[in-house]
Amino acid sequence: MELKWLEDFLSLARTGSFSRSAVERHVTQPAFGRRIRALEGWLGVPLIDRSTYPTALTPEGQLFRETAQETVRLLYEGRDALRARTRPAARAVSVAALHTLALTVFPGWYRDIEARTGPLGSRLLPGDFHACVQALAEGSHDLLLTYHHPGVPIPLDPAAFPHRVIGRDSLVPVHRPGAAPADLPGLGYPADSFLGRVVAHSAKPMPAAHVNENAMAEALKFMALAGHGLAWLPESLVTRELAEGCLVAAGPGAALEIRLYRNAARRHPALDAVWQAAHALASEKG
C-alpha cells in the first residue's frame, strides 16, 4: 500500500470526479484510476460506486474515508517531526530534477547560485518527469528543474508553482556516422514520457521500427553510440560526442526551455535566497 493511494482516494472523495482529481494529483486519468483500483485491491473491498455521477463512495468507502484522513495526517506529522529533529544546521534546499538536467545543468548552475548566496546545502532527487512534478506538488521538495516545450503542457498551477526560465537546450536527432538516417531504426522514449511526447510533437517523420525504448536519455545515448539506431537527445547531453564526431545530427532539433519551478507554499531563507539568485542569473543571461 502506498501513501499516494490514500491521497488519491481522499481527493476523489472530495471532488466526486476522476478527471478533476487526476488533474489535482498531477497524473493522467487512466493512471489515477489504476491507483484507486490498486487501493481497493489491497483492501479487498470496493470503495467507489462507479455507477453514479458524480462518483460516490460505497458504504465501505464512507467508513474508510475517516481512517484514510487520520492515517495521512499522522504520517505527515510524524515526517515533519523527524525532519525537524534531523534537519542540518546549514542552509539547504531540496531540488527534484530530470535525470539529464541533474547531470548536465544542475552542477554548474548550483555553483553559480552559491557564488551569489554563499555556501548552501542541497538535496537532489534525480527522476523522471512525473516523479519530479509529484515531488514538487506534494511538498517534499522545494524546487523542480525540468525541460519545457510548448507542445507538452506542464500540469502545475502557475499561481501555486511559479517558474523562472534559467536556460535553453535542444532535443536533436543523432546517430553514429556511416549510415543514412532514413535507414536507421528508432531509439525511442515511452509514448507517455515527457521527452517521448516532445519527440512525437516535433519529429516528422519518425523511424518506423523501434528497436529500443527507454525513459532515460542517458541510456539511449549509449545505444546510439553503439550504432543501434537514431535517438532524439538533449544537445547538452551529447555536446562532446557531436564535437568529436562520435555522433552526428540528422536534422534540426526541437527547442527546449530549462525551467525552475518553485512550490510557493514552502518558505524558508535558503529557498528565498536561491529563488532570488536564480532570477538574477536569468536576467544576466537575457
C-alpha atoms as a PDB file:
ATOM      1  CA  MET A   1       0.000   0.000   0.000  1.00  0.00           C
ATOM      2  CA  GLU A   2       1.300   3.471  -0.899  1.00  0.00           C
ATOM      3  CA  LEU A   3       0.606   6.810   0.744  1.00  0.00           C
ATOM      4  CA  LYS A   4      -0.299   8.372  -2.602  1.00  0.00           C
ATOM      5  CA  TRP A   5      -3.158   5.869  -2.963  1.00  0.00           C
ATOM      6  CA  LEU A   6      -4.723   7.252   0.219  1.00  0.00           C
ATOM      7  CA  GLU A   7      -4.246  10.827  -1.002  1.00  0.00           C
ATOM      8  CA  ASP A   8      -5.793   9.892  -4.359  1.00  0.00           C
ATOM      9  CA  PHE A   9      -8.799   8.358  -2.598  1.00  0.00           C
ATOM     10  CA  LEU A  10      -9.300  11.428  -0.392  1.00  0.00           C
ATOM     11  CA  SER A  11      -9.120  13.698  -3.441  1.00  0.00           C
ATOM     12  CA  LEU A  12     -11.733  11.602  -5.251  1.00  0.00           C
ATOM     13  CA  ALA A  13     -13.968  11.535  -2.181  1.00  0.00           C
ATOM     14  CA  ARG A  14     -13.841  15.337  -2.140  1.00  0.00           C
ATOM     15  CA  THR A  15     -14.249  16.089  -5.881  1.00  0.00           C
ATOM     16  CA  GLY A  16     -16.507  13.206  -6.935  1.00  0.00           C
ATOM     17  CA  SER A  17     -14.725  13.254 -10.306  1.00  0.00           C
ATOM     18  CA  PHE A  18     -11.941  11.027 -11.629  1.00  0.00           C
ATOM     19  CA  SER A  19     -10.937  13.660 -14.195  1.00  0.00           C
ATOM     20  CA  ARG A  20     -10.761  16.556 -11.722  1.00  0.00           C
ATOM     21  CA  SER A  21      -8.861  14.503  -9.166  1.00  0.00           C
ATOM     22  CA  ALA A  22      -6.409  13.313 -11.819  1.00  0.00           C
ATOM     23  CA  VAL A  23      -5.609  16.956 -12.641  1.00  0.00           C
ATOM     24  CA  GLU A  24      -5.345  17.803  -8.948  1.00  0.00           C
ATOM     25  CA  ARG A  25      -2.974  14.867  -8.387  1.00  0.00           C
ATOM     26  CA  HIS A  26      -0.857  15.671 -11.486  1.00  0.00           C
ATOM     27  CA  VAL A  27      -1.350  12.296 -13.196  1.00  0.00           C
ATOM     28  CA  THR A  28      -3.275  11.085 -16.224  1.00  0.00           C
ATOM     29  CA  GLN A  29      -6.829   9.884 -15.644  1.00  0.00           C
ATOM     30  CA  PRO A  30      -6.009   6.245 -16.558  1.00  0.00           C
ATOM     31  CA  ALA A  31      -3.076   6.233 -14.119  1.00  0.00           C
ATOM     32  CA  PHE A  32      -5.271   7.774 -11.420  1.00  0.00           C
ATOM     33  CA  GLY A  33      -7.938   5.115 -11.978  1.00  0.00           C
ATOM     34  CA  ARG A  34      -5.338   2.339 -11.710  1.00  0.00           C
ATOM     35  CA  ARG A  35      -4.158   3.692  -8.369  1.00  0.00           C
ATOM     36  CA  ILE A  36      -7.710   3.782  -6.971  1.00  0.00           C
ATOM     37  CA  ARG A  37      -8.234   0.188  -8.109  1.00  0.00           C
ATOM     38  CA  ALA A  38      -4.903  -0.785  -6.530  1.00  0.00           C
ATOM     39  CA  LEU A  39      -6.087   0.611  -3.182  1.00  0.00           C
ATOM     40  CA  GLU A  40      -9.373  -1.271  -3.496  1.00  0.00           C
ATOM     41  CA  GLY A  41      -7.438  -4.426  -4.335  1.00  0.00           C
ATOM     42  CA  TRP A  42      -5.229  -4.010  -1.277  1.00  0.00           C
ATOM     43  CA  LEU A  43      -8.250  -3.500   0.988  1.00  0.00           C
ATOM     44  CA  GLY A  44     -10.296  -6.224  -0.689  1.00  0.00           C
ATOM     45  CA  VAL A  45     -13.460  -4.117  -0.907  1.00  0.00           C
ATOM     46  CA  PRO A  46     -14.862  -1.602  -3.432  1.00  0.00           C
ATOM     47  CA  LEU A  47     -14.557   1.987  -2.224  1.00  0.00           C
ATOM     48  CA  ILE A  48     -16.139   3.759  -5.210  1.00  0.00           C
ATOM     49  CA  ASP A  49     -19.621   3.381  -6.689  1.00  0.00           C
ATOM     50  CA  ARG A  50     -18.821   3.901 -10.378  1.00  0.00           C
ATOM     51  CA  SER A  51     -22.467   3.605 -11.463  1.00  0.00           C
ATOM     52  CA  THR A  52     -23.329   7.126 -10.295  1.00  0.00           C
ATOM     53  CA  TYR A  53     -22.283  10.624 -11.314  1.00  0.00           C
ATOM     54  CA  PRO A  54     -20.831  12.449  -9.539  1.00  0.00           C
ATOM     55  CA  THR A  55     -18.835   9.486  -8.338  1.00  0.00           C
ATOM     56  CA  ALA A  56     -19.978   8.366  -4.873  1.00  0.00           C
ATOM     57  CA  LEU A  57     -18.362   6.342  -2.119  1.00  0.00           C
ATOM     58  CA  THR A  58     -19.669   2.897  -1.239  1.00  0.00           C
ATOM     59  CA  PRO A  59     -20.613   2.295   2.408  1.00  0.00           C
ATOM     60  CA  GLU A  60     -17.143   0.756   2.841  1.00  0.00           C
ATOM     61  CA  GLY A  61     -15.646   3.850   1.239  1.00  0.00           C
ATOM     62  CA  GLN A  62     -17.513   6.097   3.666  1.00  0.00           C
ATOM     63  CA  LEU A  63     -16.136   4.110   6.597  1.00  0.00           C
ATOM     64  CA  PHE A  64     -12.598   4.082   5.216  1.00  0.00           C
ATOM     65  CA  ARG A  65     -12.510   7.825   4.468  1.00  0.00           C
ATOM     66  CA  GLU A  66     -12.020   8.755   8.128  1.00  0.00           C
ATOM     67  CA  THR A  67      -9.302   6.123   8.517  1.00  0.00           C
ATOM     68  CA  ALA A  68      -7.508   7.440   5.426  1.00  0.00           C
ATOM     69  CA  GLN A  69      -7.689  11.054   6.646  1.00  0.00           C
ATOM     70  CA  GLU A  70      -6.271  10.174  10.047  1.00  0.00           C
ATOM     71  CA  THR A  71      -3.542   7.950   8.562  1.00  0.00           C
ATOM     72  CA  VAL A  72      -2.364  10.654   6.169  1.00  0.00           C
ATOM     73  CA  ARG A  73      -2.402  13.278   8.919  1.00  0.00           C
ATOM     74  CA  LEU A  74      -0.371  11.130  11.319  1.00  0.00           C
ATOM     75  CA  LEU A  75       2.175  10.175   8.669  1.00  0.00           C
ATOM     76  CA  TYR A  76       2.855  13.781   7.682  1.00  0.00           C
ATOM     77  CA  GLU A  77       3.011  14.945  11.283  1.00  0.00           C
ATOM     78  CA  GLY A  78       5.476  12.150  12.033  1.00  0.00           C
ATOM     79  CA  ARG A  79       7.582  13.008   8.994  1.00  0.00           C
ATOM     80  CA  ASP A  80       7.698  16.699   9.895  1.00  0.00           C
ATOM     81  CA  ALA A  81       8.689  15.908  13.477  1.00  0.00           C
ATOM     82  CA  LEU A  82      11.525  13.617  12.347  1.00  0.00           C
ATOM     83  CA  ARG A  83      12.774  16.160   9.816  1.00  0.00           C
ATOM     84  CA  ALA A  84      12.787  18.849  12.478  1.00  0.00           C
ATOM     85  CA  ARG A  85      14.993  16.646  14.696  1.00  0.00           C
ATOM     86  CA  THR A  86      17.470  15.731  11.959  1.00  0.00           C
ATOM     87  CA  ARG A  87      17.493  18.897   9.862  1.00  0.00           C
ATOM     88  CA  PRO A  88      21.097  20.086   9.429  1.00  0.00           C
ATOM     89  CA  ALA A  89      22.071  23.460  10.808  1.00  0.00           C
ATOM     90  CA  ALA A  90      23.409  24.595   7.412  1.00  0.00           C
ATOM     91  CA  ARG A  91      21.038  26.278   4.992  1.00  0.00           C
ATOM     92  CA  ALA A  92      19.823  23.845   2.352  1.00  0.00           C
ATOM     93  CA  VAL A  93      17.285  23.441  -0.442  1.00  0.00           C
ATOM     94  CA  SER A  94      15.750  20.330  -1.986  1.00  0.00           C
ATOM     95  CA  VAL A  95      15.541  20.017  -5.769  1.00  0.00           C
ATOM     96  CA  ALA A  96      13.751  17.448  -7.941  1.00  0.00           C
ATOM     97  CA  ALA A  97      15.424  17.358 -11.360  1.00  0.00           C
ATOM     98  CA  LEU A  98      15.034  15.377 -14.554  1.00  0.00           C
ATOM     99  CA  HIS A  99      17.838  12.801 -14.866  1.00  0.00           C
ATOM    100  CA  THR A 100      19.543  14.622 -17.748  1.00  0.00           C
ATOM    101  CA  LEU A 101      19.395  18.035 -16.085  1.00  0.00           C
ATOM    102  CA  ALA A 102      20.729  16.581 -12.834  1.00  0.00           C
ATOM    103  CA  LEU A 103      23.816  15.524 -14.795  1.00  0.00           C
ATOM    104  CA  THR A 104      24.302  18.346 -17.301  1.00  0.00           C
ATOM    105  CA  VAL A 105      22.847  21.526 -15.806  1.00  0.00           C
ATOM    106  CA  PHE A 106      22.450  21.308 -12.040  1.00  0.00           C
ATOM    107  CA  PRO A 107      26.154  21.146 -11.013  1.00  0.00           C
ATOM    108  CA  GLY A 108      27.236  24.285 -12.891  1.00  0.00           C
ATOM    109  CA  TRP A 109      24.030  26.180 -12.229  1.00  0.00           C
ATOM    110  CA  TYR A 110      24.203  25.499  -8.487  1.00  0.00           C
ATOM    111  CA  ARG A 111      27.843  26.618  -8.440  1.00  0.00           C
ATOM    112  CA  ASP A 112      26.718  29.945  -9.918  1.00  0.00           C
ATOM    113  CA  ILE A 113      23.891  30.165  -7.372  1.00  0.00           C
ATOM    114  CA  GLU A 114      26.309  29.643  -4.463  1.00  0.00           C
ATOM    115  CA  ALA A 115      28.554  32.363  -5.867  1.00  0.00           C
ATOM    116  CA  ARG A 116      25.693  34.742  -5.050  1.00  0.00           C
ATOM    117  CA  THR A 117      24.231  33.189  -1.905  1.00  0.00           C
ATOM    118  CA  GLY A 118      27.270  31.748  -0.182  1.00  0.00           C
ATOM    119  CA  PRO A 119      27.553  28.025   0.681  1.00  0.00           C
ATOM    120  CA  LEU A 120      24.262  26.140   0.610  1.00  0.00           C
ATOM    121  CA  GLY A 121      23.424  22.525   1.176  1.00  0.00           C
ATOM    122  CA  SER A 122      21.286  20.707  -1.356  1.00  0.00           C
ATOM    123  CA  ARG A 123      19.216  17.538  -1.535  1.00  0.00           C
ATOM    124  CA  LEU A 124      18.831  16.398  -5.151  1.00  0.00           C
ATOM    125  CA  LEU A 125      16.216  13.947  -6.419  1.00  0.00           C
ATOM    126  CA  PRO A 126      17.029  12.814  -9.980  1.00  0.00           C
ATOM    127  CA  GLY A 127      13.921  11.296 -11.519  1.00  0.00           C
ATOM    128  CA  ASP A 128      11.526  11.102 -14.423  1.00  0.00           C
ATOM    129  CA  PHE A 129       9.138  13.924 -15.250  1.00  0.00           C
ATOM    130  CA  HIS A 130       6.098  12.573 -13.422  1.00  0.00           C
ATOM    131  CA  ALA A 131       8.021  11.716 -10.239  1.00  0.00           C
ATOM    132  CA  CYS A 132       9.673  15.141 -10.159  1.00  0.00           C
ATOM    133  CA  VAL A 133       6.416  17.044 -10.706  1.00  0.00           C
ATOM    134  CA  GLN A 134       4.790  14.992  -7.968  1.00  0.00           C
ATOM    135  CA  ALA A 135       7.686  15.671  -5.567  1.00  0.00           C
ATOM    136  CA  LEU A 136       7.168  19.409  -6.042  1.00  0.00           C
ATOM    137  CA  ALA A 137       3.368  19.279  -5.943  1.00  0.00           C
ATOM    138  CA  GLU A 138       3.229  17.148  -2.804  1.00  0.00           C
ATOM    139  CA  GLY A 139       5.666  19.426  -0.969  1.00  0.00           C
ATOM    140  CA  SER A 140       8.537  17.015  -0.408  1.00  0.00           C
ATOM    141  CA  HIS A 141      10.899  19.234  -2.470  1.00  0.00           C
ATOM    142  CA  ASP A 142      11.331  22.998  -2.757  1.00  0.00           C
ATOM    143  CA  LEU A 143      12.197  23.248  -6.453  1.00  0.00           C
ATOM    144  CA  LEU A 144      11.709  21.444  -9.759  1.00  0.00           C
ATOM    145  CA  LEU A 145      14.294  21.601 -12.555  1.00  0.00           C
ATOM    146  CA  THR A 146      12.705  20.483 -15.806  1.00  0.00           C
ATOM    147  CA  TYR A 147      12.506  20.961 -19.533  1.00  0.00           C
ATOM    148  CA  HIS A 148       9.558  22.746 -21.100  1.00  0.00           C
ATOM    149  CA  HIS A 149       8.222  22.529 -24.639  1.00  0.00           C
ATOM    150  CA  PRO A 150       5.120  24.415 -25.840  1.00  0.00           C
ATOM    151  CA  GLY A 151       3.641  21.187 -27.213  1.00  0.00           C
ATOM    152  CA  VAL A 152       3.764  19.434 -23.817  1.00  0.00           C
ATOM    153  CA  PRO A 153       1.956  21.391 -21.076  1.00  0.00           C
ATOM    154  CA  ILE A 154       3.220  21.060 -17.508  1.00  0.00           C
ATOM    155  CA  PRO A 155       0.275  20.358 -15.150  1.00  0.00           C
ATOM    156  CA  LEU A 156       1.115  22.942 -12.483  1.00  0.00           C
ATOM    157  CA  ASP A 157      -0.973  25.916 -11.379  1.00  0.00           C
ATOM    158  CA  PRO A 158       1.225  28.973 -12.136  1.00  0.00           C
ATOM    159  CA  ALA A 159      -0.066  30.779  -9.054  1.00  0.00           C
ATOM    160  CA  ALA A 160       0.931  27.937  -6.735  1.00  0.00           C
ATOM    161  CA  PHE A 161       4.053  26.932  -8.685  1.00  0.00           C
ATOM    162  CA  PRO A 162       5.736  29.952 -10.313  1.00  0.00           C
ATOM    163  CA  HIS A 163       8.722  29.367 -12.582  1.00  0.00           C
ATOM    164  CA  ARG A 164      11.809  31.029 -13.996  1.00  0.00           C
ATOM    165  CA  VAL A 165      13.496  30.202 -17.313  1.00  0.00           C
ATOM    166  CA  ILE A 166      17.137  29.554 -16.395  1.00  0.00           C
ATOM    167  CA  GLY A 167      18.498  28.245 -19.704  1.00  0.00           C
ATOM    168  CA  ARG A 168      17.824  26.680 -23.073  1.00  0.00           C
ATOM    169  CA  ASP A 169      18.572  23.363 -24.721  1.00  0.00           C
ATOM    170  CA  SER A 170      17.521  21.484 -27.835  1.00  0.00           C
ATOM    171  CA  LEU A 171      16.338  17.927 -28.483  1.00  0.00           C
ATOM    172  CA  VAL A 172      18.315  16.776 -31.529  1.00  0.00           C
ATOM    173  CA  PRO A 173      18.167  13.584 -33.653  1.00  0.00           C
ATOM    174  CA  VAL A 174      21.592  11.910 -33.562  1.00  0.00           C
ATOM    175  CA  HIS A 175      23.191   8.680 -34.733  1.00  0.00           C
ATOM    176  CA  ARG A 176      26.588   7.132 -35.235  1.00  0.00           C
ATOM    177  CA  PRO A 177      28.194   8.265 -38.517  1.00  0.00           C
ATOM    178  CA  GLY A 178      28.221   5.995 -41.546  1.00  0.00           C
ATOM    179  CA  ALA A 179      24.521   5.299 -42.088  1.00  0.00           C
ATOM    180  CA  ALA A 180      21.654   7.176 -43.728  1.00  0.00           C
ATOM    181  CA  PRO A 181      19.202   8.434 -41.065  1.00  0.00           C
ATOM    182  CA  ALA A 182      16.218   7.175 -43.074  1.00  0.00           C
ATOM    183  CA  ASP A 183      17.581   3.616 -42.896  1.00  0.00           C
ATOM    184  CA  LEU A 184      18.064   3.611 -39.126  1.00  0.00           C
ATOM    185  CA  PRO A 185      15.611   2.180 -36.609  1.00  0.00           C
ATOM    186  CA  GLY A 186      14.416   4.492 -33.883  1.00  0.00           C
ATOM    187  CA  LEU A 187      15.613   4.519 -30.295  1.00  0.00           C
ATOM    188  CA  GLY A 188      12.513   5.840 -28.582  1.00  0.00           C
ATOM    189  CA  TYR A 189      11.120   7.056 -25.296  1.00  0.00           C
ATOM    190  CA  PRO A 190       7.873   5.693 -23.833  1.00  0.00           C
ATOM    191  CA  ALA A 191       4.943   7.446 -25.505  1.00  0.00           C
ATOM    192  CA  ASP A 192       3.661   8.874 -22.193  1.00  0.00           C
ATOM    193  CA  SER A 193       7.054  10.219 -21.056  1.00  0.00           C
ATOM    194  CA  PHE A 194       7.872  13.926 -21.323  1.00  0.00           C
ATOM    195  CA  LEU A 195      10.601  13.572 -23.960  1.00  0.00           C
ATOM    196  CA  GLY A 196       8.537  10.963 -25.785  1.00  0.00           C
ATOM    197  CA  ARG A 197       5.736  13.495 -26.147  1.00  0.00           C
ATOM    198  CA  VAL A 198       8.176  16.191 -27.313  1.00  0.00           C
ATOM    199  CA  VAL A 199       9.535  13.849 -29.986  1.00  0.00           C
ATOM    200  CA  ALA A 200       6.021  12.904 -31.105  1.00  0.00           C
ATOM    201  CA  HIS A 201       5.174  16.592 -31.407  1.00  0.00           C
ATOM    202  CA  SER A 202       8.395  17.595 -33.181  1.00  0.00           C
ATOM    203  CA  ALA A 203       9.709  14.663 -35.231  1.00  0.00           C
ATOM    204  CA  LYS A 204       8.254  14.219 -38.721  1.00  0.00           C
ATOM    205  CA  PRO A 205       8.673  11.577 -39.873  1.00  0.00           C
ATOM    206  CA  MET A 206       9.923   9.194 -37.201  1.00  0.00           C
ATOM    207  CA  PRO A 207      11.644   5.879 -37.967  1.00  0.00           C
ATOM    208  CA  ALA A 208       9.008   3.160 -38.173  1.00  0.00           C
ATOM    209  CA  ALA A 209      10.826   0.452 -36.237  1.00  0.00           C
ATOM    210  CA  HIS A 210      11.717   0.976 -32.586  1.00  0.00           C
ATOM    211  CA  VAL A 211      14.403  -1.448 -31.507  1.00  0.00           C
ATOM    212  CA  ASN A 212      14.786   0.054 -28.044  1.00  0.00           C
ATOM    213  CA  GLU A 213      12.577   2.053 -25.700  1.00  0.00           C
ATOM    214  CA  ASN A 214      13.921   3.711 -22.585  1.00  0.00           C
ATOM    215  CA  ALA A 215      12.738   6.617 -20.447  1.00  0.00           C
ATOM    216  CA  MET A 216      16.325   7.725 -19.731  1.00  0.00           C
ATOM    217  CA  ALA A 217      18.064   9.819 -22.391  1.00  0.00           C
ATOM    218  CA  GLU A 218      21.425   8.709 -20.997  1.00  0.00           C
ATOM    219  CA  ALA A 219      20.637   5.072 -21.844  1.00  0.00           C
ATOM    220  CA  LEU A 220      19.545   5.970 -25.390  1.00  0.00           C
ATOM    221  CA  LYS A 221      22.756   7.935 -25.857  1.00  0.00           C
ATOM    222  CA  PHE A 222      24.857   4.828 -25.299  1.00  0.00           C
ATOM    223  CA  MET A 223      22.606   2.812 -27.609  1.00  0.00           C
ATOM    224  CA  ALA A 224      23.145   5.427 -30.330  1.00  0.00           C
ATOM    225  CA  LEU A 225      26.906   5.420 -29.707  1.00  0.00           C
ATOM    226  CA  ALA A 226      26.890   1.640 -30.145  1.00  0.00           C
ATOM    227  CA  GLY A 227      25.216   2.031 -33.532  1.00  0.00           C
ATOM    228  CA  HIS A 228      21.778   0.679 -32.673  1.00  0.00           C
ATOM    229  CA  GLY A 229      19.840   3.482 -34.331  1.00  0.00           C
ATOM    230  CA  LEU A 230      18.738   7.118 -34.232  1.00  0.00           C
ATOM    231  CA  ALA A 231      17.847   8.820 -30.946  1.00  0.00           C
ATOM    232  CA  TRP A 232      16.493  12.256 -30.077  1.00  0.00           C
ATOM    233  CA  LEU A 233      18.705  13.506 -27.265  1.00  0.00           C
ATOM    234  CA  PRO A 234      19.198  16.768 -25.355  1.00  0.00           C
ATOM    235  CA  GLU A 235      22.046  18.605 -27.064  1.00  0.00           C
ATOM    236  CA  SER A 236      23.658  19.337 -23.690  1.00  0.00           C
ATOM    237  CA  LEU A 237      23.990  15.581 -23.184  1.00  0.00           C
ATOM    238  CA  VAL A 238      25.874  14.971 -26.454  1.00  0.00           C
ATOM    239  CA  THR A 239      27.855  18.203 -26.898  1.00  0.00           C
ATOM    240  CA  ARG A 240      31.221  16.438 -26.674  1.00  0.00           C
ATOM    241  CA  GLU A 241      30.179  13.495 -28.847  1.00  0.00           C
ATOM    242  CA  LEU A 242      28.956  15.835 -31.595  1.00  0.00           C
ATOM    243  CA  ALA A 243      32.138  17.906 -31.417  1.00  0.00           C
ATOM    244  CA  GLU A 244      34.326  14.788 -31.634  1.00  0.00           C
ATOM    245  CA  GLY A 245      32.284  13.220 -34.444  1.00  0.00           C
ATOM    246  CA  CYS A 246      31.249  10.156 -32.428  1.00  0.00           C
ATOM    247  CA  LEU A 247      27.659  11.153 -33.172  1.00  0.00           C
ATOM    248  CA  VAL A 248      26.223  13.279 -35.970  1.00  0.00           C
ATOM    249  CA  ALA A 249      22.991  15.258 -36.091  1.00  0.00           C
ATOM    250  CA  ALA A 250      20.391  14.044 -38.572  1.00  0.00           C
ATOM    251  CA  GLY A 251      18.497  17.320 -38.731  1.00  0.00           C
ATOM    252  CA  PRO A 252      17.343  20.363 -36.772  1.00  0.00           C
ATOM    253  CA  GLY A 253      16.362  19.999 -33.160  1.00  0.00           C
ATOM    254  CA  ALA A 254      13.324  20.945 -31.081  1.00  0.00           C
ATOM    255  CA  ALA A 255      13.932  23.956 -28.849  1.00  0.00           C
ATOM    256  CA  LEU A 256      13.522  23.388 -25.111  1.00  0.00           C
ATOM    257  CA  GLU A 257      13.420  25.805 -22.210  1.00  0.00           C
ATOM    258  CA  ILE A 258      15.088  24.829 -18.940  1.00  0.00           C
ATOM    259  CA  ARG A 259      12.718  25.907 -16.196  1.00  0.00           C
ATOM    260  CA  LEU A 260      12.993  26.160 -12.437  1.00  0.00           C
ATOM    261  CA  TYR A 261       9.656  25.808 -10.629  1.00  0.00           C
ATOM    262  CA  ARG A 262       9.048  26.694  -7.019  1.00  0.00           C
ATOM    263  CA  ASN A 263       6.437  25.457  -4.570  1.00  0.00           C
ATOM    264  CA  ALA A 264       5.065  28.801  -3.359  1.00  0.00           C
ATOM    265  CA  ALA A 265       3.702  27.191  -0.178  1.00  0.00           C
ATOM    266  CA  ARG A 266       7.220  26.384   1.012  1.00  0.00           C
ATOM    267  CA  ARG A 267       9.100  29.340   2.502  1.00  0.00           C
ATOM    268  CA  HIS A 268      12.461  29.400   4.214  1.00  0.00           C
ATOM    269  CA  PRO A 269      15.524  31.684   3.938  1.00  0.00           C
ATOM    270  CA  ALA A 270      17.666  29.314   1.845  1.00  0.00           C
ATOM    271  CA  LEU A 271      14.885  28.791  -0.689  1.00  0.00           C
ATOM    272  CA  ASP A 272      14.190  32.514  -0.931  1.00  0.00           C
ATOM    273  CA  ALA A 273      17.894  33.181  -1.481  1.00  0.00           C
ATOM    274  CA  VAL A 274      18.143  30.592  -4.268  1.00  0.00           C
ATOM    275  CA  TRP A 275      14.995  31.925  -5.946  1.00  0.00           C
ATOM    276  CA  GLN A 276      16.333  35.485  -5.943  1.00  0.00           C
ATOM    277  CA  ALA A 277      19.751  34.349  -7.195  1.00  0.00           C
ATOM    278  CA  ALA A 278      18.098  32.334  -9.986  1.00  0.00           C
ATOM    279  CA  HIS A 279      16.227  35.436 -11.092  1.00  0.00           C
ATOM    280  CA  ALA A 280      19.422  37.496 -11.133  1.00  0.00           C
ATOM    281  CA  LEU A 281      21.313  34.851 -13.125  1.00  0.00           C
ATOM    282  CA  ALA A 282      18.493  34.519 -15.640  1.00  0.00           C
ATOM    283  CA  SER A 283      18.365  38.297 -16.069  1.00  0.00           C
ATOM    284  CA  GLU A 284      22.096  38.433 -16.764  1.00  0.00           C
ATOM    285  CA  LYS A 285      21.798  35.782 -19.476  1.00  0.00           C
ATOM    286  CA  GLY A 286      18.843  37.571 -21.031  1.00  0.00           C
END
